[in-house]
Amino acid sequence: NMAPMIIGVTFVPNREVAKPKPEWEQMLTAGCAAYALQLAASAQGFDNVWITGMWVNSPLLREAFECADKDKIIGLMMIGSPTEEGSGPKNTNLECFTTYW
């Protein structure tokens, strides 16, 4: 099932202000806004997930969001309430992602 609410978060570089911030800083701010949205949804009791990958790189979605060349879709925030319990515990084995020196 799809979430009943999907919010698209985009990054649109702004160079038209008197003292523009670096693009990397603007993009990080968009990421922080997406994360704040997740925290707010969780605080209200909603489950949520941040979707990226092939979804945010779709030319059709970029066109629907009227993205220019430098614009980026940071993510699709899927927000809703679960209709059924998960199929089991989440994989918490971090060994394949962790390196120690």
Protein backbone atom coordinates (compact mmCIF):
# COMPACT_ATOMS: atom_id res chain seq x y z
CA ASN A 1 0.00 0.00 0.00
CA MET A 2 1.11 3.54 -0.68
CA ALA A 3 1.21 6.16 2.03
CA PRO A 4 -1.82 8.46 2.11
CA MET A 5 0.47 11.50 2.08
CA ILE A 6 3.62 11.97 0.03
CA ILE A 7 5.60 15.19 0.34
CA GLY A 8 8.31 15.99 -2.17
CA VAL A 9 11.30 17.95 -0.87
CA THR A 10 13.35 19.78 -3.47
CA PHE A 11 16.55 21.79 -3.53
CA VAL A 12 16.55 24.85 -5.77
CA PRO A 13 19.82 26.80 -5.61
CA ASN A 14 19.32 30.48 -4.91
CA ARG A 15 21.97 32.77 -6.35
CA GLU A 16 19.81 35.88 -6.55
CA VAL A 17 20.28 37.12 -2.99
CA ALA A 18 22.81 39.81 -2.08
CA LYS A 19 25.12 37.34 -0.31
CA PRO A 20 24.28 33.82 -1.56
CA LYS A 21 25.23 30.78 0.51
CA PRO A 22 27.27 28.02 -1.14
CA GLU A 23 25.14 25.48 -3.00
CA TRP A 24 26.35 22.62 -0.80
CA GLU A 25 25.11 24.52 2.27
CA GLN A 26 21.74 25.18 0.64
CA MET A 27 21.40 21.49 -0.26
CA LEU A 28 22.24 20.41 3.30
CA THR A 29 19.55 22.79 4.52
CA ALA A 30 17.00 21.08 2.26
CA GLY A 31 18.10 17.72 3.72
CA CYS A 32 17.68 19.09 7.24
CA ALA A 33 14.19 20.33 6.34
CA ALA A 34 13.29 16.83 5.11
CA TYR A 35 14.57 15.29 8.34
CA ALA A 36 12.67 17.88 10.42
CA LEU A 37 9.54 16.90 8.51
CA GLN A 38 10.15 13.25 9.49
CA LEU A 39 10.65 14.19 13.14
CA ALA A 40 7.47 16.27 13.16
CA ALA A 41 5.47 13.44 11.57
CA SER A 42 6.83 10.97 14.14
CA ALA A 43 6.01 13.36 16.98
CA GLN A 44 2.42 13.41 15.74
CA GLY A 45 2.30 9.61 15.78
CA PHE A 46 2.72 8.94 12.06
CA ASP A 47 5.07 6.42 10.51
CA ASN A 48 7.22 7.77 7.71
CA VAL A 49 9.96 6.84 5.32
CA TRP A 50 12.30 8.91 3.15
CA ILE A 51 12.39 7.53 -0.40
CA THR A 52 15.18 8.34 -2.89
CA GLY A 53 16.94 6.35 -5.61
CA MET A 54 15.20 5.76 -8.88
CA TRP A 55 12.13 7.59 -7.62
CA VAL A 56 13.78 10.99 -7.22
CA ASN A 57 15.84 10.65 -10.39
CA SER A 58 12.84 10.02 -12.63
CA PRO A 59 12.65 12.47 -15.54
CA LEU A 60 8.85 12.42 -15.26
CA LEU A 61 8.94 13.41 -11.58
CA ARG A 62 11.54 16.11 -12.27
CA GLU A 63 9.25 17.46 -14.99
CA ALA A 64 6.21 17.33 -12.68
CA PHE A 65 8.18 19.28 -10.04
CA GLU A 66 9.36 21.74 -12.74
CA CYS A 67 13.01 21.10 -11.83
CA ALA A 68 15.70 23.09 -13.64
CA ASP A 69 19.07 21.51 -14.42
CA LYS A 70 20.66 22.28 -11.02
CA ASP A 71 17.52 21.51 -8.97
CA LYS A 72 17.46 18.26 -7.03
CA ILE A 73 14.64 16.23 -5.56
CA ILE A 74 15.99 15.51 -2.08
CA GLY A 75 13.40 12.87 -1.33
CA LEU A 76 9.81 11.79 -1.19
CA MET A 77 8.50 11.70 2.35
CA MET A 78 5.91 8.93 2.69
CA ILE A 79 3.73 9.64 5.72
CA GLY A 80 0.87 7.61 7.14
CA SER A 81 -0.29 5.11 9.73
CA PRO A 82 0.49 1.40 9.41
CA THR A 83 -2.45 -0.79 8.48
CA GLU A 84 -0.68 -3.98 9.52
CA GLU A 85 2.24 -5.04 11.65
CA GLY A 86 5.63 -5.52 10.06
CA SER A 87 6.73 -8.98 8.98
CA GLY A 88 9.37 -9.23 11.67
CA PRO A 89 12.23 -7.40 13.30
CA LYS A 90 14.28 -5.03 11.20
CA ASN A 91 17.80 -6.05 10.24
CA THR A 92 20.06 -4.37 12.75
CA ASN A 93 23.27 -6.15 11.75
CA LEU A 94 25.65 -3.32 10.92
CA GLU A 95 28.74 -5.41 10.18
CA CYS A 96 28.54 -4.91 6.41
CA PHE A 97 28.42 -1.11 6.94
CA THR A 98 31.05 -0.79 9.66
CA THR A 99 34.82 -0.62 9.42
CA TYR A 100 37.19 -0.32 12.36
CA TRP A 101 40.78 0.92 12.18
